[in-house]
Structures are given as structure tokens and as C-alpha cells.
């Protein structure tokens, strides 16, 4: 048997050299206690108002999922439209989102789980306008889980033997229980999370159907939470089946009604993607044509709905909905 007094301190064997968002679980708990609205009051507002109120220059931003798969694209467009600056973004399980935000001048730092190393990203790195810190999709998700749990770090059984470790905020320590090496990663409590969901009521009780990555973790780990919802449902429906609620209202600051809000991507169970639109955004990011893409799809419009009406049209949107074949398990 090991005496409790046998191990008095934890030895750090090795650590990454990159900065990371300050770890302060007690400060986060205090923020939630002092700032989160627990009254059942409506949180419904436009994307414009949500971004104006809850996304500030210099914020750490995470989003779920991504531009091509149940992404909060209406709100992301609004971030670009409002020209938010100096954001630090969680780039995990993603493709084109980081390149769009970087070339729009919104992002200056990114934690990399996975995103495309497109020309706008490479140019920003060379010009010193962007810093990237290396993790992995799994590690970024576990960092959010730690943030949601209110603990300062989590031990992980991966990442320690990688090159990415050297360019991260991870540490290799002596496990005080086994006395063996173990990697730990810092908790992540973003300033703001933007999560696209299938359904929500006006208070923010949100439902996510099917697969996801870290929707719940992002919402529970973040100081401010914007929900964009394909469908608004009555609170009586939420109460009818409370087990279907993924994110509770008291974690949410804003609800944006956002039908087809993941265009050109898919919202599984509701509509398929638009192949033409997906190819266009890939061509723009990989072909170094992001400004032209934003000038066509984002900047001319005051709202996402105006863009859908002018650039996509009702017939194509209805065809996307009809083409979606995943139905089972995508309703309460």
C-alpha cells in the first residue's frame, strides 16, 4: 500500500512551448454564477443582435460543427459581416471555416485540431498575422470536456509522443498514482460558443439529433453561448420529452432561428448539402479566392435569409430537403 504522504509533488518531465488560453476553472465558475440567466426568459434574437451582444474582439471562439456539417453558418457569416477582430478560434473537425475567418481578417490565433492549410492560412502565417498551436481533434474535444467539468486539465493516453506536443500547451508529468509518465492537456473555457442545433425553444433548451463532436461540451464550457436552430419548438414539446434536450436553457445566452442555417452544408436529418455550393467554397479557399467568395455570399446581404433568397432560391432548398435520406433517429 502507498502512503498518502509518499508523493508530495508532481514532476513535469516535458512540456509544449505554445501559449494556451489561461486556465481558471474557479474564475469560470464565478462567471457562470454571476452572469448566466437562470430565469425562464426568452433569448430569441437575430444573428446580428446575437453577434453584437455576445462576440467581442479578442474573444476565444469555438463552433459546432463546421461549415459543411451542421455548422452555424448564419452566425459565422454575421461575425465576418461585423468584422470582428483578433479572435482566437478552436479549429477542430473543420475544413474551410478557419480559412474564411482568417482571410476576412477576423482570426489572429488558432488552436489546430484539424483544418485545411489553405493559401489564406499559409499566407497569414508567413506574414505574421496568424499564430497556430497544434493539438488534435480528440485533444481539443477533451480540453472542452475538462472546461465543462470545471477541472484544470485532463490526462490523455495520446499525443505525448507526437511533434504536435512540442507546439501545444500539453505537459508530460509523472502520474502521482502509478509513478508512470502521462500526458495532460489544459482545460478550455472559450469566451463564446456558437452551436447549430436541430431544434430549440425560445429559452434555449436545444436538441441535437444524430452524431456530433462536442456540442454539449462546448456549450457547458463557454462563458457565452449562441444557439442557432433549424426549427423553433414550443416549450411544451421540450417538457414532453425532456430526455431529448441536449443543451439546457441556463447555459444559453442567445437563440437564433436559422432555417437552412448550415447552407451550403448539410444538417443531417433535415436536408442534404448543396454540392455546387460546397465545391464553390472549396475552390475559393484552396484557390485563394476567399475575398471574391465573401463579396458574393456574405457582404452584400444584411441577413443570411436574404442571401438564401437571392443566391440559392426556394426550389433548390426544397430539393436539398427532399434529397436528405437520413431520417431515423433525427427527431424526438
Protein backbone atom coordinates (compact mmCIF):
# COMPACT_ATOMS: atom_id res chain seq x y z
CA UNK A 1 0.00 0.00 0.00
CA UNK A 2 1.18 3.52 -0.84
CA UNK A 3 1.05 6.08 1.92
CA UNK A 4 -0.86 9.30 1.03
CA UNK A 5 2.20 11.27 2.12
CA UNK A 6 4.58 9.34 -0.12
CA UNK A 7 4.12 11.65 -3.13
CA UNK A 8 4.18 15.35 -2.34
CA UNK A 9 4.57 16.99 -5.74
CA UNK A 10 4.04 16.24 -9.42
CA UNK A 11 7.14 16.25 -11.60
CA UNK A 12 6.88 17.80 -15.08
CA UNK A 13 9.03 15.76 -17.45
CA UNK A 14 8.39 17.75 -20.61
CA UNK A 15 6.06 20.47 -21.86
CA UNK A 16 4.98 22.13 -25.08
CA UNK A 17 6.16 25.62 -25.88
CA UNK A 18 2.92 27.23 -27.12
CA UNK A 19 0.63 29.63 -25.28
CA UNK A 20 -2.84 28.46 -24.33
CA UNK A 21 -5.96 30.18 -23.09
CA UNK A 22 -5.50 30.84 -19.39
CA UNK A 23 -6.80 28.01 -17.22
CA UNK A 24 -9.07 29.36 -14.48
CA UNK A 25 -11.84 26.91 -13.52
CA UNK A 26 -12.80 28.87 -10.42
CA UNK A 27 -13.00 32.09 -12.41
CA UNK A 28 -15.22 30.35 -14.96
CA UNK A 29 -17.50 29.04 -12.22
CA UNK A 30 -17.73 32.56 -10.80
CA UNK A 31 -18.60 33.93 -14.25
CA UNK A 32 -21.39 31.38 -14.68
CA UNK A 33 -22.72 32.12 -11.20
CA UNK A 34 -22.74 35.88 -11.73
CA UNK A 35 -23.73 36.19 -15.39
CA UNK A 36 -25.83 33.26 -16.57
CA UNK A 37 -29.59 33.85 -16.67
CA UNK A 38 -31.43 31.08 -14.82
CA UNK A 39 -34.87 32.60 -15.23
CA UNK A 40 -37.00 31.11 -17.99
CA UNK A 41 -36.91 34.25 -20.12
CA UNK A 42 -36.93 34.37 -23.93
CA UNK A 43 -33.48 34.52 -25.54
CA UNK A 44 -34.67 34.71 -29.14
CA UNK A 45 -32.93 37.34 -31.28
CA UNK A 46 -31.45 37.90 -34.72
CA UNK A 47 -27.97 36.75 -35.65
CA UNK A 48 -26.99 40.41 -35.91
CA UNK A 49 -28.03 41.13 -32.33
CA UNK A 50 -26.51 37.91 -31.01
CA UNK A 51 -23.10 38.67 -32.52
CA UNK A 52 -23.24 42.33 -31.49
CA UNK A 53 -24.00 41.39 -27.88
CA UNK A 54 -22.01 38.22 -27.35
CA UNK A 55 -18.99 38.17 -29.70
CA UNK A 56 -16.29 40.71 -28.85
CA UNK A 57 -12.96 41.48 -30.48
CA UNK A 58 -10.27 39.32 -28.90
CA UNK A 59 -12.66 36.55 -27.83
CA UNK A 60 -11.81 32.86 -27.90
CA UNK A 61 -14.42 31.31 -30.22
CA UNK A 62 -15.48 27.70 -30.70
CA UNK A 63 -18.23 26.46 -33.03
CA UNK A 64 -20.15 23.25 -33.74
CA UNK A 65 -19.94 21.51 -36.10
CA UNK A 66 -18.40 23.03 -39.24
CA UNK A 67 -19.21 24.86 -42.46
CA UNK A 68 -20.12 21.63 -44.27
CA UNK A 69 -21.80 19.62 -41.49
CA UNK A 70 -24.46 21.19 -39.24
CA UNK A 71 -22.41 24.36 -38.98
CA UNK A 72 -23.68 27.66 -37.52
CA UNK A 73 -23.02 29.32 -40.87
CA UNK A 74 -25.56 32.11 -40.45
CA UNK A 75 -23.81 33.27 -37.28
CA UNK A 76 -20.32 32.79 -38.80
CA UNK A 77 -21.39 34.97 -41.74
CA UNK A 78 -22.53 37.60 -39.25
CA UNK A 79 -19.16 37.50 -37.45
CA UNK A 80 -17.50 38.21 -40.80
CA UNK A 81 -20.07 40.86 -41.73
CA UNK A 82 -19.48 42.71 -38.44
CA UNK A 83 -15.71 42.50 -38.98
CA UNK A 84 -14.87 41.08 -35.58
CA UNK A 85 -11.12 41.18 -34.95
CA UNK A 86 -8.33 39.29 -33.18
CA UNK A 87 -10.39 36.19 -32.46
CA UNK A 88 -8.72 33.03 -31.17
CA UNK A 89 -10.53 30.08 -32.74
CA UNK A 90 -10.81 26.38 -31.96
CA UNK A 91 -10.18 24.81 -35.37
CA UNK A 92 -11.28 21.21 -34.86
CA UNK A 93 -13.16 18.76 -37.08
CA UNK A 94 -13.29 21.52 -39.66
CA UNK A 95 -12.33 22.31 -43.23
CA UNK A 96 -12.87 25.75 -44.72
CA UNK A 97 -14.10 27.73 -41.70
CA UNK A 98 -10.70 28.86 -40.43
CA UNK A 99 -9.53 29.99 -43.88
CA UNK A 100 -12.71 32.06 -44.34
CA UNK A 101 -12.35 33.73 -40.95
CA UNK A 102 -8.60 34.32 -41.36
CA UNK A 103 -8.89 35.88 -44.82
CA UNK A 104 -11.80 38.01 -43.58
CA UNK A 105 -9.43 39.48 -41.01
CA UNK A 106 -11.32 38.05 -38.02
CA UNK A 107 -8.85 35.49 -36.63
CA UNK A 108 -5.28 36.00 -35.43
CA UNK A 109 -4.77 32.79 -33.43
CA UNK A 110 -5.98 29.22 -33.92
CA UNK A 111 -5.72 26.02 -31.94
CA UNK A 112 -5.46 23.32 -34.59
CA UNK A 113 -7.26 20.04 -34.23
CA UNK A 114 -7.74 19.78 -37.98
CA UNK A 115 -8.45 22.37 -40.66
CA UNK A 116 -7.35 22.91 -44.25
CA UNK A 117 -3.96 24.51 -44.72
CA UNK A 118 -5.34 26.70 -47.48
CA UNK A 119 -3.43 29.57 -49.14
CA UNK A 120 -5.07 32.24 -46.94
CA UNK A 121 -3.88 30.38 -43.83
CA UNK A 122 -0.36 29.84 -45.20
CA UNK A 123 -0.05 33.49 -46.25
CA UNK A 124 -1.27 34.76 -42.86
CA UNK A 125 1.28 32.52 -41.12
CA UNK A 126 4.11 33.84 -43.29
CA UNK A 127 3.01 37.45 -42.79
CA UNK A 128 2.82 37.05 -39.03
CA UNK A 129 -0.93 37.77 -38.94
CA UNK A 130 -1.77 34.29 -37.65
CA UNK A 131 -0.36 32.00 -34.98
CA UNK A 132 -1.31 28.32 -34.93
CA UNK A 133 -0.91 25.99 -31.94
CA UNK A 134 -1.03 22.26 -32.54
CA UNK A 135 -3.35 19.73 -30.95
CA UNK A 136 -5.65 17.10 -32.48
CA UNK A 137 -9.39 16.76 -32.89
CA UNK A 138 -9.58 14.42 -29.92
CA UNK A 139 -7.35 16.58 -27.70
CA UNK A 140 -9.35 19.73 -28.48
CA UNK A 141 -12.55 17.89 -27.60
CA UNK A 142 -11.05 16.66 -24.33
CA UNK A 143 -9.91 20.18 -23.48
CA UNK A 144 -13.51 21.34 -23.85
CA UNK A 145 -14.66 18.41 -21.75
CA UNK A 146 -12.27 19.47 -18.99
CA UNK A 147 -13.61 23.00 -19.23
CA UNK A 148 -17.18 21.74 -18.94
CA UNK A 149 -16.23 19.58 -15.94
CA UNK A 150 -14.66 22.51 -14.12
CA UNK A 151 -11.25 20.85 -13.78
CA UNK A 152 -7.94 22.47 -14.82
CA UNK A 153 -6.72 19.62 -17.03
CA UNK A 154 -7.35 16.07 -18.18
CA UNK A 155 -4.89 13.19 -18.56
CA UNK A 156 -4.86 11.61 -22.03
CA UNK A 157 -3.42 8.40 -23.48
CA UNK A 158 -2.37 10.00 -26.77
CA UNK A 159 -0.48 13.00 -28.17
CA UNK A 160 2.54 12.74 -25.87
CA UNK A 161 4.79 11.14 -28.47
CA UNK A 162 3.90 13.48 -31.33
CA UNK A 163 5.57 16.52 -32.88
CA UNK A 164 2.37 18.41 -32.14
CA UNK A 165 3.04 18.07 -28.42
CA UNK A 166 6.06 20.40 -28.75
CA UNK A 167 3.86 23.15 -30.23
CA UNK A 168 0.98 22.87 -27.79
CA UNK A 169 0.14 23.64 -24.19
CA UNK A 170 0.33 19.98 -23.16
CA UNK A 171 2.63 18.65 -20.46
CA UNK A 172 4.15 15.26 -19.71
CA UNK A 173 4.09 14.56 -15.98
CA UNK A 174 4.73 11.74 -13.55
CA UNK A 175 1.36 10.29 -12.64
CA UNK A 176 1.21 10.62 -8.84
CA UNK A 177 -0.68 7.32 -8.57
CA UNK A 178 1.27 4.98 -10.85
CA UNK A 179 4.55 6.95 -10.99
CA UNK A 180 4.46 6.45 -14.78
CA UNK A 181 4.55 9.22 -17.45
CA UNK A 182 1.19 10.60 -18.54
CA UNK A 183 0.24 13.50 -20.80
CA UNK A 184 -2.10 16.18 -19.51
CA UNK A 185 -3.82 18.89 -21.56
CA UNK A 186 -5.16 22.23 -20.32
CA UNK A 187 -8.87 22.80 -19.86
CA UNK A 188 -10.51 25.11 -22.37
CA UNK A 189 -13.21 27.61 -21.40
CA UNK A 190 -13.93 29.67 -24.54
CA UNK A 191 -15.38 33.15 -24.32
CA UNK A 192 -18.12 32.17 -26.76
CA UNK A 193 -19.52 29.02 -28.35
CA UNK A 194 -21.73 29.03 -31.44
CA UNK A 195 -23.68 25.79 -31.82
CA UNK A 196 -26.12 24.89 -34.59
CA UNK A 197 -28.89 22.56 -33.45
CA UNK A 198 -31.91 20.88 -34.96
CA UNK A 199 -34.48 22.25 -32.52
CA UNK A 200 -34.71 24.76 -29.70
CA UNK A 201 -37.39 26.60 -27.80
CA UNK A 202 -37.19 30.35 -27.32
CA UNK A 203 -35.43 29.90 -23.98
CA UNK A 204 -32.53 27.85 -25.37
CA UNK A 205 -33.49 24.28 -24.50
CA UNK A 206 -31.79 22.76 -27.53
CA UNK A 207 -31.92 19.38 -29.23
CA UNK A 208 -29.17 17.86 -31.36
CA UNK A 209 -30.14 14.69 -33.22
CA UNK A 210 -27.70 12.13 -34.55
CA UNK A 211 -23.94 12.35 -34.36
CA UNK A 212 -21.88 15.31 -33.23
CA UNK A 213 -18.49 16.10 -31.77
CA UNK A 214 -18.61 18.34 -28.70
CA UNK A 215 -21.86 20.28 -28.86
CA UNK A 216 -22.70 19.80 -25.19
CA UNK A 217 -19.10 20.21 -24.00
CA UNK A 218 -18.70 23.47 -25.94
CA UNK A 219 -21.92 24.89 -24.53
CA UNK A 220 -21.16 23.93 -20.93
CA UNK A 221 -17.52 25.05 -21.12
CA UNK A 222 -18.11 28.52 -22.63
CA UNK A 223 -18.84 31.84 -20.97
CA UNK A 224 -21.30 32.90 -23.68
CA UNK A 225 -23.36 30.56 -25.86
CA UNK A 226 -25.22 31.35 -29.07
CA UNK A 227 -27.59 28.66 -30.32
CA UNK A 228 -28.75 28.75 -33.94
CA UNK A 229 -31.67 26.44 -34.55
CA UNK A 230 -33.19 24.99 -37.68
CA UNK A 231 -36.57 24.75 -36.00
CA UNK A 232 -38.22 26.51 -33.07
CA UNK A 233 -40.44 24.25 -30.99
CA UNK A 234 -42.83 25.03 -28.17
CA UNK A 235 -41.56 24.58 -24.63
CA UNK A 236 -44.44 22.17 -24.03
CA UNK A 237 -42.77 19.87 -26.59
CA UNK A 238 -39.46 20.15 -24.71
CA UNK A 239 -41.25 19.20 -21.48
CA UNK A 240 -42.99 16.30 -23.17
CA UNK A 241 -39.65 14.61 -23.79
CA UNK A 242 -37.00 16.23 -21.57
CA UNK A 243 -34.54 13.43 -22.28
CA UNK A 244 -34.17 14.71 -25.84
CA UNK A 245 -32.73 18.03 -24.63
CA UNK A 246 -29.00 18.17 -25.39
CA UNK A 247 -28.20 21.68 -24.12
CA UNK A 248 -30.22 23.21 -21.25
CA UNK A 249 -31.54 26.75 -21.38
CA UNK A 250 -29.49 28.01 -18.45
CA UNK A 251 -26.27 27.50 -20.46
CA UNK A 252 -27.55 29.61 -23.36
CA UNK A 253 -27.40 33.37 -23.90
CA UNK A 254 -28.97 33.75 -27.35
CA UNK A 255 -31.24 31.74 -29.66
CA UNK A 256 -31.23 32.48 -33.38
CA UNK A 257 -33.93 30.94 -35.57
CA UNK A 258 -31.86 29.78 -38.53
CA UNK A 259 -33.66 27.55 -41.06
CA UNK A 260 -31.18 26.22 -43.60
CA UNK A 261 -28.56 27.85 -41.40
CA UNK A 262 -25.90 25.30 -42.38
CA UNK A 263 -26.07 26.06 -46.12
CA UNK A 264 -24.16 25.08 -48.24
CA UNK A 265 -23.51 22.20 -45.87
CA UNK A 266 -25.91 19.58 -44.61
CA UNK A 267 -27.96 19.44 -41.46
CA UNK A 268 -28.38 15.66 -41.15
CA UNK A 269 -31.97 14.55 -40.91
CA UNK A 270 -33.25 17.88 -42.25
CA UNK A 271 -31.52 18.48 -45.58
CA UNK A 272 -28.54 17.37 -47.63
CA UNK A 273 -25.74 19.63 -48.77
CA UNK A 274 -25.65 21.63 -51.98
CA UNK A 275 -22.78 20.06 -53.98
CA UNK A 276 -22.43 23.17 -56.14
CA UNK A 277 -22.17 25.38 -53.07
CA UNK A 278 -19.70 23.03 -51.37
CA UNK A 279 -17.46 22.91 -54.43
CA UNK A 280 -17.57 26.69 -54.68
CA UNK A 281 -16.37 27.28 -51.12
CA UNK A 282 -13.61 24.68 -51.55
CA UNK A 283 -12.50 26.32 -54.79
CA UNK A 284 -12.48 29.69 -53.06
CA UNK A 285 -10.38 28.55 -50.10
CA UNK A 286 -7.94 26.32 -51.96
CA UNK A 287 -7.79 28.64 -54.98
CA UNK A 288 -7.09 31.72 -52.85
CA UNK A 289 -10.35 33.41 -53.83
CA UNK A 290 -11.91 33.96 -50.40
CA UNK A 291 -12.47 37.75 -50.85
CA UNK A 292 -14.50 37.10 -54.00
CA UNK A 293 -16.47 34.38 -52.22
CA UNK A 294 -17.30 36.70 -49.31
CA UNK A 295 -18.21 39.50 -51.71
CA UNK A 296 -20.70 37.14 -53.36
CA UNK A 297 -22.16 35.22 -50.41
CA UNK A 298 -21.74 37.37 -47.28
CA UNK A 299 -21.07 41.08 -47.59
CA UNK A 300 -23.86 42.19 -49.98
CA UNK A 301 -26.59 41.00 -47.61
CA UNK A 302 -27.92 42.20 -44.28
CA UNK A 303 -29.11 38.71 -43.30
CA UNK A 304 -28.47 35.07 -44.13
CA UNK A 305 -32.09 34.74 -45.22
CA UNK A 306 -31.61 37.45 -47.83
CA UNK A 307 -28.60 35.56 -49.15
CA UNK A 308 -30.56 32.30 -49.39
CA UNK A 309 -33.37 34.02 -51.26
CA UNK A 310 -31.08 35.84 -53.69
CA UNK A 311 -28.34 33.27 -54.29
CA UNK A 312 -29.96 29.88 -53.66
CA UNK A 313 -33.73 30.06 -54.05
CA UNK A 314 -36.65 28.16 -52.63
CA UNK A 315 -36.60 25.42 -55.26
CA UNK A 316 -33.00 24.39 -54.52
CA UNK A 317 -33.56 24.50 -50.76
CA UNK A 318 -36.63 22.28 -51.08
CA UNK A 319 -34.64 19.91 -53.29
CA UNK A 320 -31.92 19.70 -50.62
CA UNK A 321 -34.57 18.79 -48.05
CA UNK A 322 -36.13 16.19 -50.33
CA UNK A 323 -32.72 14.68 -51.07
CA UNK A 324 -31.89 14.04 -47.41
CA UNK A 325 -32.28 10.32 -46.75
CA UNK A 326 -31.22 10.15 -43.08
CA UNK A 327 -34.50 10.25 -41.18
CA UNK A 328 -34.50 7.60 -38.45
CA UNK A 329 -33.16 8.94 -35.16
CA UNK A 330 -33.38 12.58 -36.21
CA UNK A 331 -36.48 13.51 -34.27
CA UNK A 332 -37.66 13.33 -30.68
